[in-house]
Amino acid sequence: MKAAWDIVTFRVNRIDPDAPMPEPGDEMRTRTGRRYQILKISPRSVTCLVLPRDAEEQGKVWIWEWSKRSR
């Protein structure tokens, strides 16, 4: 698990072109309460900064849900 202020990159399976898109500066949250500030978005990945739980809210907040890994 990464610590607060570390940079992480998530692989993206699929982006729905008709869905609203987050922008750099927005925040992603998981159901467990983990928080990330979005730094960069590409078609196959999202690069984020891990935020501490007590950080101020960053831009628009998106709820992130993990899909099952397929290998």
C-alpha atoms as a PDB file:
ATOM      1  CA  MET A   1       0.000   0.000   0.000  1.00  0.00           C
ATOM      2  CA  LYS A   2       1.318   3.422  -0.902  1.00  0.00           C
ATOM      3  CA  ALA A   3       1.754   6.160   1.688  1.00  0.00           C
ATOM      4  CA  ALA A   4       0.245   9.652   1.580  1.00  0.00           C
ATOM      5  CA  TRP A   5       1.879  11.890  -1.050  1.00  0.00           C
ATOM      6  CA  ASP A   6       3.173   8.950  -3.134  1.00  0.00           C
ATOM      7  CA  ILE A   7       2.419   8.910  -6.853  1.00  0.00           C
ATOM      8  CA  VAL A   8       0.546   5.885  -8.220  1.00  0.00           C
ATOM      9  CA  THR A   9      -0.594   4.830 -11.687  1.00  0.00           C
ATOM     10  CA  PHE A  10      -3.753   2.810 -12.233  1.00  0.00           C
ATOM     11  CA  ARG A  11      -4.364   0.842 -15.406  1.00  0.00           C
ATOM     12  CA  VAL A  12      -7.746   1.434 -16.986  1.00  0.00           C
ATOM     13  CA  ASN A  13      -9.654  -1.410 -18.656  1.00  0.00           C
ATOM     14  CA  ARG A  14     -12.144   0.684 -20.556  1.00  0.00           C
ATOM     15  CA  ILE A  15     -13.268   4.296 -20.673  1.00  0.00           C
ATOM     16  CA  ASP A  16     -16.843   4.929 -21.742  1.00  0.00           C
ATOM     17  CA  PRO A  17     -16.639   7.767 -24.309  1.00  0.00           C
ATOM     18  CA  ASP A  18     -20.191   8.877 -23.433  1.00  0.00           C
ATOM     19  CA  ALA A  19     -19.566   9.067 -19.669  1.00  0.00           C
ATOM     20  CA  PRO A  20     -18.416  12.255 -17.951  1.00  0.00           C
ATOM     21  CA  MET A  21     -14.637  12.287 -17.505  1.00  0.00           C
ATOM     22  CA  PRO A  22     -12.604  13.361 -14.487  1.00  0.00           C
ATOM     23  CA  GLU A  23      -9.978  16.035 -15.011  1.00  0.00           C
ATOM     24  CA  PRO A  24      -6.557  16.629 -13.461  1.00  0.00           C
ATOM     25  CA  GLY A  25      -7.101  18.201 -10.047  1.00  0.00           C
ATOM     26  CA  ASP A  26     -10.255  16.173  -9.329  1.00  0.00           C
ATOM     27  CA  GLU A  27     -10.324  13.617  -6.537  1.00  0.00           C
ATOM     28  CA  MET A  28     -10.981   9.866  -6.691  1.00  0.00           C
ATOM     29  CA  ARG A  29     -12.240   7.986  -3.623  1.00  0.00           C
ATOM     30  CA  THR A  30     -12.590   4.282  -3.058  1.00  0.00           C
ATOM     31  CA  ARG A  31     -15.305   2.637  -0.971  1.00  0.00           C
ATOM     32  CA  THR A  32     -12.697   2.078   1.744  1.00  0.00           C
ATOM     33  CA  GLY A  33     -12.073   5.823   2.010  1.00  0.00           C
ATOM     34  CA  ARG A  34      -8.712   5.908   0.223  1.00  0.00           C
ATOM     35  CA  ARG A  35      -8.276   9.253  -1.570  1.00  0.00           C
ATOM     36  CA  TYR A  36      -6.314  10.216  -4.680  1.00  0.00           C
ATOM     37  CA  GLN A  37      -5.824  13.513  -6.529  1.00  0.00           C
ATOM     38  CA  ILE A  38      -5.812  12.964 -10.286  1.00  0.00           C
ATOM     39  CA  LEU A  39      -2.646  14.289 -11.924  1.00  0.00           C
ATOM     40  CA  LYS A  40      -2.882  12.888 -15.464  1.00  0.00           C
ATOM     41  CA  ILE A  41      -5.332  10.834 -17.515  1.00  0.00           C
ATOM     42  CA  SER A  42      -4.470   8.836 -20.606  1.00  0.00           C
ATOM     43  CA  PRO A  43      -6.548   6.315 -22.568  1.00  0.00           C
ATOM     44  CA  ARG A  44      -5.051   3.389 -20.628  1.00  0.00           C
ATOM     45  CA  SER A  45      -4.053   4.835 -17.240  1.00  0.00           C
ATOM     46  CA  VAL A  46      -4.728   7.382 -14.513  1.00  0.00           C
ATOM     47  CA  THR A  47      -1.783   8.882 -12.582  1.00  0.00           C
ATOM     48  CA  CYS A  48      -2.643  10.094  -9.082  1.00  0.00           C
ATOM     49  CA  LEU A  49      -1.212  11.493  -5.881  1.00  0.00           C
ATOM     50  CA  VAL A  50      -2.220   9.573  -2.741  1.00  0.00           C
ATOM     51  CA  LEU A  51      -3.949  11.982  -0.344  1.00  0.00           C
ATOM     52  CA  PRO A  52      -4.062  11.651   3.431  1.00  0.00           C
ATOM     53  CA  ARG A  53      -7.531  11.079   4.897  1.00  0.00           C
ATOM     54  CA  ASP A  54      -7.617  14.555   6.456  1.00  0.00           C
ATOM     55  CA  ALA A  55      -6.610  16.519   3.316  1.00  0.00           C
ATOM     56  CA  GLU A  56      -8.960  19.197   1.989  1.00  0.00           C
ATOM     57  CA  GLU A  57     -11.347  18.078  -0.744  1.00  0.00           C
ATOM     58  CA  GLN A  58      -9.792  18.379  -4.216  1.00  0.00           C
ATOM     59  CA  GLY A  59     -12.011  19.550  -7.114  1.00  0.00           C
ATOM     60  CA  LYS A  60     -14.880  17.309  -8.113  1.00  0.00           C
ATOM     61  CA  VAL A  61     -15.033  13.985  -6.241  1.00  0.00           C
ATOM     62  CA  TRP A  62     -15.381  10.729  -8.208  1.00  0.00           C
ATOM     63  CA  ILE A  63     -16.132   7.387  -6.566  1.00  0.00           C
ATOM     64  CA  TRP A  64     -13.755   4.740  -7.872  1.00  0.00           C
ATOM     65  CA  GLU A  65     -14.792   1.094  -8.091  1.00  0.00           C
ATOM     66  CA  TRP A  66     -12.356  -1.691  -8.836  1.00  0.00           C
ATOM     67  CA  SER A  67     -13.166  -4.337 -11.396  1.00  0.00           C
ATOM     68  CA  LYS A  68     -11.941  -7.896 -11.101  1.00  0.00           C
ATOM     69  CA  ARG A  69      -8.530  -8.614 -12.510  1.00  0.00           C
ATOM     70  CA  SER A  70      -8.485 -10.767 -15.606  1.00  0.00           C
ATOM     71  CA  ARG A  71      -5.244 -12.512 -16.331  1.00  0.00           C
END
